[in-house]
Amino acid sequence: MVRAMAMTTTSDGKVETLHAYAESDKIGPIGGKRSVFEDEAELRRTLVAEFQATANAARAAAAGVDRDPTAAVHEYRKALRRARAVLALVADALPRSERKALARAVGEARRALSAARDQAVAPDAVRSAKLPDDDQQTAETVLAAVSEAAPATTEIKQLLAEGAARAAAQVEALEAALPPTISWDVLAAGVRDIYGRARDARKRAKHGRRAFHTWRRRSKELTYQLELLAGYAGERVSELARDLDRVTDVQGPAVDLLMLRQLVRTHGAAGDASERLADSIDDQLDDLIAEARRAGRDVFARKPRRFARRLTKALRRDLAPTPVADDMAAD
């Protein structure tokens, strides 16, 4: 690995060598007190701790199910989405079998609550759909069928408890599977992969609604990754995360309508009324998907490697020591 050394001159005129850094990383010497990127062993510990935090959040959400089942399901699924984002961030450091097993365990724990999530979100999706009166009545009938088929609170409680326990078990599995150190190259590769998959899904979403949903999922994971990194970097990385967050906000209404459309297909009575409702949803979906794709055009304009380089540059600038003003240096 090619190494570069940074030199600086102290106040008494001596030349001092700063920490070496990997030229391939192009992060350079970094001086923020919160930085963990100089110490690859500390970076590993930090990422395991971040994964542990997502498992803790899932457990806390499960514990709150008696107070508010809907909120518990939402917070639980959000925690496991963040867990998946952390796994994707360190994927390049994991053996393939362990990487797949960890992702499968987290994904299955999250999907177990999909029906409960749909039942909770469906009423808001109907309200925001702006349906004609006839379609509104049909939608209310579908909602009643969805509510009747929804899992009971006791079942939701059990699923949350089992899923939280399964997520917690993955912390130890991740700890055992990771190498002793993790470099920035690993994290850059993780971001690059998720960005590339999101970018590809956005292209395919022009002609495929399943691809749109995939684009949304990968975009959310990418946002979580950038938010995590920004917590140890600064404003420039945070701005990249906010750019992604604005795109996911625009994606949201279309995702909810996609979910509602599937519920109509699954729980709607056979006949013209359900078909008309599905057609009304389709008409709105086309516009919302087109709007979301336009909103994401600039964010996903770069090729994955260029986006990773942009992130690395933002991180380096965030962590660079603050220059001392000339008048202060003179003192």
C-alpha atoms as a PDB file:
ATOM      1  CA  MET A   1       0.000   0.000   0.000  1.00  0.00           C
ATOM      2  CA  VAL A   2       1.398   3.398  -0.918  1.00  0.00           C
ATOM      3  CA  ARG A   3       1.752   5.692   2.075  1.00  0.00           C
ATOM      4  CA  ALA A   4       1.996   9.459   2.263  1.00  0.00           C
ATOM      5  CA  MET A   5       3.463  11.500   5.076  1.00  0.00           C
ATOM      6  CA  ALA A   6       2.352  14.964   6.106  1.00  0.00           C
ATOM      7  CA  MET A   7       4.859  17.438   7.532  1.00  0.00           C
ATOM      8  CA  THR A   8       4.316  20.500   9.658  1.00  0.00           C
ATOM      9  CA  THR A   9       6.554  23.095  11.304  1.00  0.00           C
ATOM     10  CA  THR A  10       6.248  23.747  15.041  1.00  0.00           C
ATOM     11  CA  SER A  11       6.467  27.170  16.684  1.00  0.00           C
ATOM     12  CA  ASP A  12      10.182  26.659  17.479  1.00  0.00           C
ATOM     13  CA  GLY A  13      11.028  25.884  13.853  1.00  0.00           C
ATOM     14  CA  LYS A  14      11.286  22.113  14.094  1.00  0.00           C
ATOM     15  CA  VAL A  15       9.821  19.922  11.370  1.00  0.00           C
ATOM     16  CA  GLU A  16       7.344  17.383  12.697  1.00  0.00           C
ATOM     17  CA  THR A  17       5.886  14.343  10.925  1.00  0.00           C
ATOM     18  CA  LEU A  18       2.148  13.829  11.248  1.00  0.00           C
ATOM     19  CA  HIS A  19       0.401  10.456  11.098  1.00  0.00           C
ATOM     20  CA  ALA A  20       0.754   8.486   7.892  1.00  0.00           C
ATOM     21  CA  TYR A  21      -2.342   7.827   5.850  1.00  0.00           C
ATOM     22  CA  ALA A  22      -3.226   5.579   2.945  1.00  0.00           C
ATOM     23  CA  GLU A  23      -2.861   7.375  -0.349  1.00  0.00           C
ATOM     24  CA  SER A  24      -5.692   5.267  -1.732  1.00  0.00           C
ATOM     25  CA  ASP A  25      -7.968   6.631   0.991  1.00  0.00           C
ATOM     26  CA  LYS A  26      -7.188  10.270   0.176  1.00  0.00           C
ATOM     27  CA  ILE A  27      -8.495  11.243   3.583  1.00  0.00           C
ATOM     28  CA  GLY A  28      -5.208  12.756   4.671  1.00  0.00           C
ATOM     29  CA  PRO A  29      -4.218  13.707   8.198  1.00  0.00           C
ATOM     30  CA  ILE A  30      -7.319  14.473  10.199  1.00  0.00           C
ATOM     31  CA  GLY A  31      -7.542  16.388  13.404  1.00  0.00           C
ATOM     32  CA  GLY A  32     -11.108  16.413  14.712  1.00  0.00           C
ATOM     33  CA  LYS A  33     -11.266  15.169  18.278  1.00  0.00           C
ATOM     34  CA  ARG A  34     -14.289  13.006  17.411  1.00  0.00           C
ATOM     35  CA  SER A  35     -12.512  11.372  14.504  1.00  0.00           C
ATOM     36  CA  VAL A  36     -12.222   7.599  14.589  1.00  0.00           C
ATOM     37  CA  PHE A  37     -10.890   7.281  11.056  1.00  0.00           C
ATOM     38  CA  GLU A  38      -7.203   7.493  12.045  1.00  0.00           C
ATOM     39  CA  ASP A  39      -7.431   4.371  14.205  1.00  0.00           C
ATOM     40  CA  GLU A  40      -8.652   1.314  12.296  1.00  0.00           C
ATOM     41  CA  ALA A  41      -9.135  -0.733  15.456  1.00  0.00           C
ATOM     42  CA  GLU A  42     -11.184   2.078  17.002  1.00  0.00           C
ATOM     43  CA  LEU A  43     -13.175   2.400  13.796  1.00  0.00           C
ATOM     44  CA  ARG A  44     -14.075  -1.278  14.039  1.00  0.00           C
ATOM     45  CA  ARG A  45     -15.147  -0.878  17.655  1.00  0.00           C
ATOM     46  CA  THR A  46     -17.249   2.154  16.741  1.00  0.00           C
ATOM     47  CA  LEU A  47     -19.084   0.356  13.942  1.00  0.00           C
ATOM     48  CA  VAL A  48     -19.848  -2.642  16.140  1.00  0.00           C
ATOM     49  CA  ALA A  49     -21.185  -0.203  18.740  1.00  0.00           C
ATOM     50  CA  GLU A  50     -23.370   1.441  16.087  1.00  0.00           C
ATOM     51  CA  PHE A  51     -24.782  -1.956  15.169  1.00  0.00           C
ATOM     52  CA  GLN A  52     -25.335  -2.691  18.857  1.00  0.00           C
ATOM     53  CA  ALA A  53     -27.256   0.586  19.121  1.00  0.00           C
ATOM     54  CA  THR A  54     -29.665  -0.513  16.391  1.00  0.00           C
ATOM     55  CA  ALA A  55     -30.320  -3.801  18.216  1.00  0.00           C
ATOM     56  CA  ASN A  56     -30.903  -1.862  21.433  1.00  0.00           C
ATOM     57  CA  ALA A  57     -33.363   0.412  19.624  1.00  0.00           C
ATOM     58  CA  ALA A  58     -35.250  -2.604  18.287  1.00  0.00           C
ATOM     59  CA  ARG A  59     -35.461  -4.040  21.800  1.00  0.00           C
ATOM     60  CA  ALA A  60     -36.655  -0.704  23.213  1.00  0.00           C
ATOM     61  CA  ALA A  61     -39.329  -0.490  20.520  1.00  0.00           C
ATOM     62  CA  ALA A  62     -40.529  -4.004  21.323  1.00  0.00           C
ATOM     63  CA  ALA A  63     -40.729  -3.093  25.005  1.00  0.00           C
ATOM     64  CA  GLY A  64     -43.101  -0.234  24.184  1.00  0.00           C
ATOM     65  CA  VAL A  65     -45.669  -2.296  22.312  1.00  0.00           C
ATOM     66  CA  ASP A  66     -48.235  -2.174  25.125  1.00  0.00           C
ATOM     67  CA  ARG A  67     -48.207   1.640  25.114  1.00  0.00           C
ATOM     68  CA  ASP A  68     -48.531   2.082  21.352  1.00  0.00           C
ATOM     69  CA  PRO A  69     -48.327  -0.947  19.016  1.00  0.00           C
ATOM     70  CA  THR A  70     -48.218   1.224  15.880  1.00  0.00           C
ATOM     71  CA  ALA A  71     -45.304   3.306  17.141  1.00  0.00           C
ATOM     72  CA  ALA A  72     -43.533   0.176  18.354  1.00  0.00           C
ATOM     73  CA  VAL A  73     -43.724  -1.441  14.921  1.00  0.00           C
ATOM     74  CA  HIS A  74     -42.544   1.742  13.218  1.00  0.00           C
ATOM     75  CA  GLU A  75     -39.553   2.264  15.519  1.00  0.00           C
ATOM     76  CA  TYR A  76     -38.640  -1.426  15.395  1.00  0.00           C
ATOM     77  CA  ARG A  77     -38.603  -1.522  11.604  1.00  0.00           C
ATOM     78  CA  LYS A  78     -36.648   1.743  11.445  1.00  0.00           C
ATOM     79  CA  ALA A  79     -34.050   0.330  13.838  1.00  0.00           C
ATOM     80  CA  LEU A  80     -33.588  -2.778  11.716  1.00  0.00           C
ATOM     81  CA  ARG A  81     -33.342  -0.706   8.551  1.00  0.00           C
ATOM     82  CA  ARG A  82     -30.458   1.116  10.219  1.00  0.00           C
ATOM     83  CA  ALA A  83     -28.955  -2.221  11.215  1.00  0.00           C
ATOM     84  CA  ARG A  84     -29.034  -3.305   7.586  1.00  0.00           C
ATOM     85  CA  ALA A  85     -27.339  -0.037   6.592  1.00  0.00           C
ATOM     86  CA  VAL A  86     -24.515  -0.647   9.079  1.00  0.00           C
ATOM     87  CA  LEU A  87     -24.052  -4.185   7.770  1.00  0.00           C
ATOM     88  CA  ALA A  88     -23.869  -2.872   4.217  1.00  0.00           C
ATOM     89  CA  LEU A  89     -21.312  -0.312   5.337  1.00  0.00           C
ATOM     90  CA  VAL A  90     -18.902  -3.010   6.586  1.00  0.00           C
ATOM     91  CA  ALA A  91     -19.860  -5.657   4.011  1.00  0.00           C
ATOM     92  CA  ASP A  92     -16.489  -5.494   2.250  1.00  0.00           C
ATOM     93  CA  ALA A  93     -14.777  -6.657   5.466  1.00  0.00           C
ATOM     94  CA  LEU A  94     -17.025  -9.673   5.999  1.00  0.00           C
ATOM     95  CA  PRO A  95     -16.680 -13.166   4.538  1.00  0.00           C
ATOM     96  CA  ARG A  96     -19.438 -13.745   1.992  1.00  0.00           C
ATOM     97  CA  SER A  97     -21.243 -16.442   3.987  1.00  0.00           C
ATOM     98  CA  GLU A  98     -21.340 -14.389   7.184  1.00  0.00           C
ATOM     99  CA  ARG A  99     -22.384 -11.281   5.280  1.00  0.00           C
ATOM    100  CA  LYS A 100     -25.341 -13.064   3.728  1.00  0.00           C
ATOM    101  CA  ALA A 101     -26.349 -14.749   6.987  1.00  0.00           C
ATOM    102  CA  LEU A 102     -26.331 -11.467   8.917  1.00  0.00           C
ATOM    103  CA  ALA A 103     -28.305  -9.626   6.247  1.00  0.00           C
ATOM    104  CA  ARG A 104     -30.823 -12.462   6.023  1.00  0.00           C
ATOM    105  CA  ALA A 105     -31.384 -12.549   9.779  1.00  0.00           C
ATOM    106  CA  VAL A 106     -31.971  -8.802  10.012  1.00  0.00           C
ATOM    107  CA  GLY A 107     -34.155  -8.758   6.895  1.00  0.00           C
ATOM    108  CA  GLU A 108     -36.354 -11.608   8.070  1.00  0.00           C
ATOM    109  CA  ALA A 109     -36.794 -10.013  11.490  1.00  0.00           C
ATOM    110  CA  ARG A 110     -37.937  -6.809   9.823  1.00  0.00           C
ATOM    111  CA  ARG A 111     -40.220  -8.415   7.238  1.00  0.00           C
ATOM    112  CA  ALA A 112     -42.048 -10.351   9.967  1.00  0.00           C
ATOM    113  CA  LEU A 113     -43.775  -7.078  10.887  1.00  0.00           C
ATOM    114  CA  SER A 114     -44.616  -6.000   7.312  1.00  0.00           C
ATOM    115  CA  ALA A 115     -48.308  -6.857   7.620  1.00  0.00           C
ATOM    116  CA  ALA A 116     -48.605  -4.912  10.856  1.00  0.00           C
ATOM    117  CA  ARG A 117     -46.875  -1.949   9.270  1.00  0.00           C
ATOM    118  CA  ASP A 118     -49.187  -2.009   6.233  1.00  0.00           C
ATOM    119  CA  GLN A 119     -52.274  -2.121   8.413  1.00  0.00           C
ATOM    120  CA  ALA A 120     -51.037   0.892  10.386  1.00  0.00           C
ATOM    121  CA  VAL A 121     -50.077   2.984   7.349  1.00  0.00           C
ATOM    122  CA  ALA A 122     -52.999   2.107   5.045  1.00  0.00           C
ATOM    123  CA  PRO A 123     -55.537   4.620   6.494  1.00  0.00           C
ATOM    124  CA  ASP A 124     -53.126   7.523   5.986  1.00  0.00           C
ATOM    125  CA  ALA A 125     -52.395   6.330   2.462  1.00  0.00           C
ATOM    126  CA  VAL A 126     -56.113   6.331   1.645  1.00  0.00           C
ATOM    127  CA  ARG A 127     -56.545   9.831   3.091  1.00  0.00           C
ATOM    128  CA  SER A 128     -53.667  11.213   1.048  1.00  0.00           C
ATOM    129  CA  ALA A 129     -54.748   9.533  -2.197  1.00  0.00           C
ATOM    130  CA  LYS A 130     -57.470  12.106  -3.023  1.00  0.00           C
ATOM    131  CA  LEU A 131     -59.836   9.507  -4.430  1.00  0.00           C
ATOM    132  CA  PRO A 132     -63.231  10.121  -6.057  1.00  0.00           C
ATOM    133  CA  ASP A 133     -66.207   9.385  -3.802  1.00  0.00           C
ATOM    134  CA  ASP A 134     -66.945   5.978  -5.326  1.00  0.00           C
ATOM    135  CA  ASP A 135     -63.318   4.905  -5.048  1.00  0.00           C
ATOM    136  CA  GLN A 136     -63.155   6.248  -1.504  1.00  0.00           C
ATOM    137  CA  GLN A 137     -65.995   3.961  -0.487  1.00  0.00           C
ATOM    138  CA  THR A 138     -64.251   1.008  -2.090  1.00  0.00           C
ATOM    139  CA  ALA A 139     -61.053   1.928  -0.308  1.00  0.00           C
ATOM    140  CA  GLU A 140     -62.852   1.994   3.032  1.00  0.00           C
ATOM    141  CA  THR A 141     -64.107  -1.520   2.339  1.00  0.00           C
ATOM    142  CA  VAL A 142     -60.541  -2.615   1.600  1.00  0.00           C
ATOM    143  CA  LEU A 143     -59.345  -1.005   4.845  1.00  0.00           C
ATOM    144  CA  ALA A 144     -61.950  -2.944   6.797  1.00  0.00           C
ATOM    145  CA  ALA A 145     -60.728  -6.187   5.218  1.00  0.00           C
ATOM    146  CA  VAL A 146     -57.102  -5.266   5.939  1.00  0.00           C
ATOM    147  CA  SER A 147     -57.951  -4.506   9.569  1.00  0.00           C
ATOM    148  CA  GLU A 148     -59.749  -7.816   9.956  1.00  0.00           C
ATOM    149  CA  ALA A 149     -56.773  -9.717   8.539  1.00  0.00           C
ATOM    150  CA  ALA A 150     -54.178  -7.806  10.583  1.00  0.00           C
ATOM    151  CA  PRO A 151     -52.258  -9.729  13.237  1.00  0.00           C
ATOM    152  CA  ALA A 152     -53.587  -9.432  16.782  1.00  0.00           C
ATOM    153  CA  THR A 153     -51.722  -7.312  19.294  1.00  0.00           C
ATOM    154  CA  THR A 154     -50.536 -10.417  21.113  1.00  0.00           C
ATOM    155  CA  GLU A 155     -49.055 -11.752  17.873  1.00  0.00           C
ATOM    156  CA  ILE A 156     -47.387  -8.407  17.137  1.00  0.00           C
ATOM    157  CA  LYS A 157     -45.942  -8.395  20.632  1.00  0.00           C
ATOM    158  CA  GLN A 158     -44.530 -11.878  20.159  1.00  0.00           C
ATOM    159  CA  LEU A 159     -43.078 -11.046  16.731  1.00  0.00           C
ATOM    160  CA  LEU A 160     -41.436  -7.908  18.100  1.00  0.00           C
ATOM    161  CA  ALA A 161     -39.905  -9.783  21.021  1.00  0.00           C
ATOM    162  CA  GLU A 162     -38.610 -12.594  18.806  1.00  0.00           C
ATOM    163  CA  GLY A 163     -37.289 -10.197  16.193  1.00  0.00           C
ATOM    164  CA  ALA A 164     -35.535  -8.003  18.757  1.00  0.00           C
ATOM    165  CA  ALA A 165     -33.884 -11.070  20.284  1.00  0.00           C
ATOM    166  CA  ARG A 166     -32.769 -12.240  16.865  1.00  0.00           C
ATOM    167  CA  ALA A 167     -31.337  -8.816  16.050  1.00  0.00           C
ATOM    168  CA  ALA A 168     -29.450  -8.757  19.359  1.00  0.00           C
ATOM    169  CA  ALA A 169     -27.901 -12.132  18.571  1.00  0.00           C
ATOM    170  CA  GLN A 170     -26.416 -10.716  15.374  1.00  0.00           C
ATOM    171  CA  VAL A 171     -24.228  -8.305  17.340  1.00  0.00           C
ATOM    172  CA  GLU A 172     -22.114 -11.169  18.620  1.00  0.00           C
ATOM    173  CA  ALA A 173     -22.090 -12.730  15.149  1.00  0.00           C
ATOM    174  CA  LEU A 174     -20.858  -9.479  13.609  1.00  0.00           C
ATOM    175  CA  GLU A 175     -18.201  -9.071  16.304  1.00  0.00           C
ATOM    176  CA  ALA A 176     -16.884 -12.548  15.557  1.00  0.00           C
ATOM    177  CA  ALA A 177     -16.951 -12.155  11.770  1.00  0.00           C
ATOM    178  CA  LEU A 178     -15.176  -8.811  11.435  1.00  0.00           C
ATOM    179  CA  PRO A 179     -11.379  -8.605  11.133  1.00  0.00           C
ATOM    180  CA  PRO A 180      -9.436  -6.844  13.922  1.00  0.00           C
ATOM    181  CA  THR A 181      -9.338  -3.549  12.011  1.00  0.00           C
ATOM    182  CA  ILE A 182     -11.474  -1.742   9.458  1.00  0.00           C
ATOM    183  CA  SER A 183     -10.135   0.859   7.045  1.00  0.00           C
ATOM    184  CA  TRP A 184     -11.867   3.737   5.323  1.00  0.00           C
ATOM    185  CA  ASP A 185     -11.617   1.754   2.071  1.00  0.00           C
ATOM    186  CA  VAL A 186     -14.148  -0.724   3.498  1.00  0.00           C
ATOM    187  CA  LEU A 187     -16.633   1.993   4.373  1.00  0.00           C
ATOM    188  CA  ALA A 188     -16.196   3.760   1.041  1.00  0.00           C
ATOM    189  CA  ALA A 189     -16.884   0.461  -0.735  1.00  0.00           C
ATOM    190  CA  GLY A 190     -20.029  -0.068   1.349  1.00  0.00           C
ATOM    191  CA  VAL A 191     -21.389   3.359   0.484  1.00  0.00           C
ATOM    192  CA  ARG A 192     -20.411   2.952  -3.157  1.00  0.00           C
ATOM    193  CA  ASP A 193     -22.270  -0.360  -3.407  1.00  0.00           C
ATOM    194  CA  ILE A 194     -25.533   0.920  -1.905  1.00  0.00           C
ATOM    195  CA  TYR A 195     -25.367   4.119  -3.941  1.00  0.00           C
ATOM    196  CA  GLY A 196     -24.799   2.100  -7.127  1.00  0.00           C
ATOM    197  CA  ARG A 197     -27.727  -0.187  -6.382  1.00  0.00           C
ATOM    198  CA  ALA A 198     -29.967   2.782  -5.620  1.00  0.00           C
ATOM    199  CA  ARG A 199     -28.853   4.563  -8.785  1.00  0.00           C
ATOM    200  CA  ASP A 200     -29.566   1.486 -10.899  1.00  0.00           C
ATOM    201  CA  ALA A 201     -33.004   1.026  -9.284  1.00  0.00           C
ATOM    202  CA  ARG A 202     -33.875   4.664 -10.011  1.00  0.00           C
ATOM    203  CA  LYS A 203     -33.202   4.074 -13.707  1.00  0.00           C
ATOM    204  CA  ARG A 204     -35.308   0.909 -13.763  1.00  0.00           C
ATOM    205  CA  ALA A 205     -38.115   2.623 -11.841  1.00  0.00           C
ATOM    206  CA  LYS A 206     -39.070   4.515 -14.991  1.00  0.00           C
ATOM    207  CA  HIS A 207     -40.672   1.300 -16.238  1.00  0.00           C
ATOM    208  CA  GLY A 208     -41.014  -0.834 -13.106  1.00  0.00           C
ATOM    209  CA  ARG A 209     -42.783  -0.141  -9.829  1.00  0.00           C
ATOM    210  CA  ARG A 210     -40.983  -2.907  -7.998  1.00  0.00           C
ATOM    211  CA  ALA A 211     -37.740  -1.144  -8.908  1.00  0.00           C
ATOM    212  CA  PHE A 212     -39.109   2.087  -7.448  1.00  0.00           C
ATOM    213  CA  HIS A 213     -39.658   0.396  -4.114  1.00  0.00           C
ATOM    214  CA  THR A 214     -36.116  -0.971  -4.279  1.00  0.00           C
ATOM    215  CA  TRP A 215     -34.838   2.517  -5.022  1.00  0.00           C
ATOM    216  CA  ARG A 216     -36.581   3.826  -1.927  1.00  0.00           C
ATOM    217  CA  ARG A 217     -35.141   1.094   0.316  1.00  0.00           C
ATOM    218  CA  ARG A 218     -31.583   1.560  -0.917  1.00  0.00           C
ATOM    219  CA  SER A 219     -31.950   5.362  -0.685  1.00  0.00           C
ATOM    220  CA  LYS A 220     -33.013   5.101   2.951  1.00  0.00           C
ATOM    221  CA  GLU A 221     -30.087   2.821   3.738  1.00  0.00           C
ATOM    222  CA  LEU A 222     -27.699   5.207   2.016  1.00  0.00           C
ATOM    223  CA  THR A 223     -29.118   8.106   4.028  1.00  0.00           C
ATOM    224  CA  TYR A 224     -28.583   6.179   7.261  1.00  0.00           C
ATOM    225  CA  GLN A 225     -25.008   5.389   6.250  1.00  0.00           C
ATOM    226  CA  LEU A 226     -24.218   9.040   5.557  1.00  0.00           C
ATOM    227  CA  GLU A 227     -25.901  10.135   8.785  1.00  0.00           C
ATOM    228  CA  LEU A 228     -23.751   7.674  10.719  1.00  0.00           C
ATOM    229  CA  LEU A 229     -20.553   8.901   9.068  1.00  0.00           C
ATOM    230  CA  ALA A 230     -21.570  12.528   9.547  1.00  0.00           C
ATOM    231  CA  GLY A 231     -21.751  11.917  13.286  1.00  0.00           C
ATOM    232  CA  TYR A 232     -17.970  11.362  13.227  1.00  0.00           C
ATOM    233  CA  ALA A 233     -17.202  13.881  10.493  1.00  0.00           C
ATOM    234  CA  GLY A 234     -19.127  17.123  10.118  1.00  0.00           C
ATOM    235  CA  GLU A 235     -21.247  19.493   8.085  1.00  0.00           C
ATOM    236  CA  ARG A 236     -20.137  18.558   4.585  1.00  0.00           C
ATOM    237  CA  VAL A 237     -21.009  14.885   5.034  1.00  0.00           C
ATOM    238  CA  SER A 238     -24.225  15.957   6.770  1.00  0.00           C
ATOM    239  CA  GLU A 239     -25.174  17.949   3.697  1.00  0.00           C
ATOM    240  CA  LEU A 240     -24.797  14.844   1.526  1.00  0.00           C
ATOM    241  CA  ALA A 241     -27.118  13.023   3.922  1.00  0.00           C
ATOM    242  CA  ARG A 242     -29.652  15.864   3.763  1.00  0.00           C
ATOM    243  CA  ASP A 243     -29.606  15.733  -0.046  1.00  0.00           C
ATOM    244  CA  LEU A 244     -30.568  12.055   0.150  1.00  0.00           C
ATOM    245  CA  ASP A 245     -33.140  12.702   2.847  1.00  0.00           C
ATOM    246  CA  ARG A 246     -34.919  15.237   0.647  1.00  0.00           C
ATOM    247  CA  VAL A 247     -35.181  12.622  -2.089  1.00  0.00           C
ATOM    248  CA  THR A 248     -36.614   9.980   0.247  1.00  0.00           C
ATOM    249  CA  ASP A 249     -39.217  12.494   1.436  1.00  0.00           C
ATOM    250  CA  VAL A 250     -40.461  12.838  -2.145  1.00  0.00           C
ATOM    251  CA  GLN A 251     -40.423   9.066  -2.592  1.00  0.00           C
ATOM    252  CA  GLY A 252     -42.639   8.501   0.448  1.00  0.00           C
ATOM    253  CA  PRO A 253     -46.107   9.198  -1.013  1.00  0.00           C
ATOM    254  CA  ALA A 254     -45.461   6.923  -3.979  1.00  0.00           C
ATOM    255  CA  VAL A 255     -44.282   4.094  -1.706  1.00  0.00           C
ATOM    256  CA  ASP A 256     -47.443   4.394   0.375  1.00  0.00           C
ATOM    257  CA  LEU A 257     -49.590   4.217  -2.762  1.00  0.00           C
ATOM    258  CA  LEU A 258     -47.672   1.171  -3.961  1.00  0.00           C
ATOM    259  CA  MET A 259     -48.470  -0.480  -0.646  1.00  0.00           C
ATOM    260  CA  LEU A 260     -52.139   0.548  -0.937  1.00  0.00           C
ATOM    261  CA  ARG A 261     -52.313  -0.793  -4.478  1.00  0.00           C
ATOM    262  CA  GLN A 262     -51.039  -4.168  -3.276  1.00  0.00           C
ATOM    263  CA  LEU A 263     -53.594  -4.200  -0.470  1.00  0.00           C
ATOM    264  CA  VAL A 264     -56.367  -3.547  -2.997  1.00  0.00           C
ATOM    265  CA  ARG A 265     -55.140  -6.469  -5.092  1.00  0.00           C
ATOM    266  CA  THR A 266     -54.936  -8.714  -2.022  1.00  0.00           C
ATOM    267  CA  HIS A 267     -58.011  -7.700   0.001  1.00  0.00           C
ATOM    268  CA  GLY A 268     -60.305  -6.007  -2.506  1.00  0.00           C
ATOM    269  CA  ALA A 269     -63.420  -7.839  -3.615  1.00  0.00           C
ATOM    270  CA  ALA A 270     -63.416  -9.111  -7.170  1.00  0.00           C
ATOM    271  CA  GLY A 271     -65.263  -6.806  -9.546  1.00  0.00           C
ATOM    272  CA  ASP A 272     -65.276  -3.459 -11.293  1.00  0.00           C
ATOM    273  CA  ALA A 273     -65.119  -1.355  -8.125  1.00  0.00           C
ATOM    274  CA  SER A 274     -61.746  -2.725  -7.070  1.00  0.00           C
ATOM    275  CA  GLU A 275     -60.443  -2.407 -10.615  1.00  0.00           C
ATOM    276  CA  ARG A 276     -61.491   1.249 -10.767  1.00  0.00           C
ATOM    277  CA  LEU A 277     -59.803   1.906  -7.448  1.00  0.00           C
ATOM    278  CA  ALA A 278     -56.608   0.248  -8.663  1.00  0.00           C
ATOM    279  CA  ASP A 279     -56.740   2.344 -11.847  1.00  0.00           C
ATOM    280  CA  SER A 280     -57.146   5.547  -9.805  1.00  0.00           C
ATOM    281  CA  ILE A 281     -54.126   4.616  -7.731  1.00  0.00           C
ATOM    282  CA  ASP A 282     -52.144   3.797 -10.879  1.00  0.00           C
ATOM    283  CA  ASP A 283     -52.864   7.222 -12.368  1.00  0.00           C
ATOM    284  CA  GLN A 284     -51.513   8.965  -9.285  1.00  0.00           C
ATOM    285  CA  LEU A 285     -48.579   6.600  -9.008  1.00  0.00           C
ATOM    286  CA  ASP A 286     -47.302   7.465 -12.465  1.00  0.00           C
ATOM    287  CA  ASP A 287     -47.134  11.153 -11.558  1.00  0.00           C
ATOM    288  CA  LEU A 288     -45.591  10.562  -8.127  1.00  0.00           C
ATOM    289  CA  ILE A 289     -42.928   8.221  -9.458  1.00  0.00           C
ATOM    290  CA  ALA A 290     -42.013  10.691 -12.198  1.00  0.00           C
ATOM    291  CA  GLU A 291     -41.796  13.484  -9.606  1.00  0.00           C
ATOM    292  CA  ALA A 292     -39.559  11.407  -7.329  1.00  0.00           C
ATOM    293  CA  ARG A 293     -37.261  10.440 -10.194  1.00  0.00           C
ATOM    294  CA  ARG A 294     -36.855  14.106 -11.107  1.00  0.00           C
ATOM    295  CA  ALA A 295     -36.091  14.947  -7.477  1.00  0.00           C
ATOM    296  CA  GLY A 296     -33.376  12.295  -7.415  1.00  0.00           C
ATOM    297  CA  ARG A 297     -31.818  13.102 -10.771  1.00  0.00           C
ATOM    298  CA  ASP A 298     -29.016  15.345  -9.500  1.00  0.00           C
ATOM    299  CA  VAL A 299     -28.284  13.274  -6.392  1.00  0.00           C
ATOM    300  CA  PHE A 300     -27.865  10.113  -8.456  1.00  0.00           C
ATOM    301  CA  ALA A 301     -26.216  11.736 -11.478  1.00  0.00           C
ATOM    302  CA  ARG A 302     -22.705  10.637 -10.490  1.00  0.00           C
ATOM    303  CA  LYS A 303     -21.320   7.195 -11.111  1.00  0.00           C
ATOM    304  CA  PRO A 304     -20.740   5.209  -7.896  1.00  0.00           C
ATOM    305  CA  ARG A 305     -16.967   5.708  -7.828  1.00  0.00           C
ATOM    306  CA  ARG A 306     -17.332   9.442  -8.314  1.00  0.00           C
ATOM    307  CA  PHE A 307     -19.878   9.618  -5.501  1.00  0.00           C
ATOM    308  CA  ALA A 308     -17.498   7.696  -3.214  1.00  0.00           C
ATOM    309  CA  ARG A 309     -14.706  10.127  -4.089  1.00  0.00           C
ATOM    310  CA  ARG A 310     -17.003  13.055  -3.352  1.00  0.00           C
ATOM    311  CA  LEU A 311     -17.831  11.550   0.044  1.00  0.00           C
ATOM    312  CA  THR A 312     -14.161  10.966   0.818  1.00  0.00           C
ATOM    313  CA  LYS A 313     -13.352  14.561  -0.077  1.00  0.00           C
ATOM    314  CA  ALA A 314     -16.195  15.854   2.110  1.00  0.00           C
ATOM    315  CA  LEU A 315     -14.996  13.708   5.001  1.00  0.00           C
ATOM    316  CA  ARG A 316     -11.407  14.878   4.613  1.00  0.00           C
ATOM    317  CA  ARG A 317     -12.463  18.513   4.614  1.00  0.00           C
ATOM    318  CA  ASP A 318     -14.743  18.017   7.611  1.00  0.00           C
ATOM    319  CA  LEU A 319     -11.939  16.471   9.634  1.00  0.00           C
ATOM    320  CA  ALA A 320      -9.116  18.771   8.608  1.00  0.00           C
ATOM    321  CA  PRO A 321      -7.708  20.806  11.513  1.00  0.00           C
ATOM    322  CA  THR A 322      -9.150  24.317  11.591  1.00  0.00           C
ATOM    323  CA  PRO A 323      -6.556  26.785  10.233  1.00  0.00           C
ATOM    324  CA  VAL A 324      -5.224  29.215  12.809  1.00  0.00           C
ATOM    325  CA  ALA A 325      -5.796  32.873  11.869  1.00  0.00           C
ATOM    326  CA  ASP A 326      -2.667  34.877  11.125  1.00  0.00           C
ATOM    327  CA  ASP A 327      -3.178  37.264  14.030  1.00  0.00           C
ATOM    328  CA  MET A 328      -3.649  34.366  16.454  1.00  0.00           C
ATOM    329  CA  ALA A 329      -0.567  32.617  15.088  1.00  0.00           C
ATOM    330  CA  ALA A 330       1.444  35.784  15.696  1.00  0.00           C
ATOM    331  CA  ASP A 331       0.552  35.677  19.390  1.00  0.00           C
END
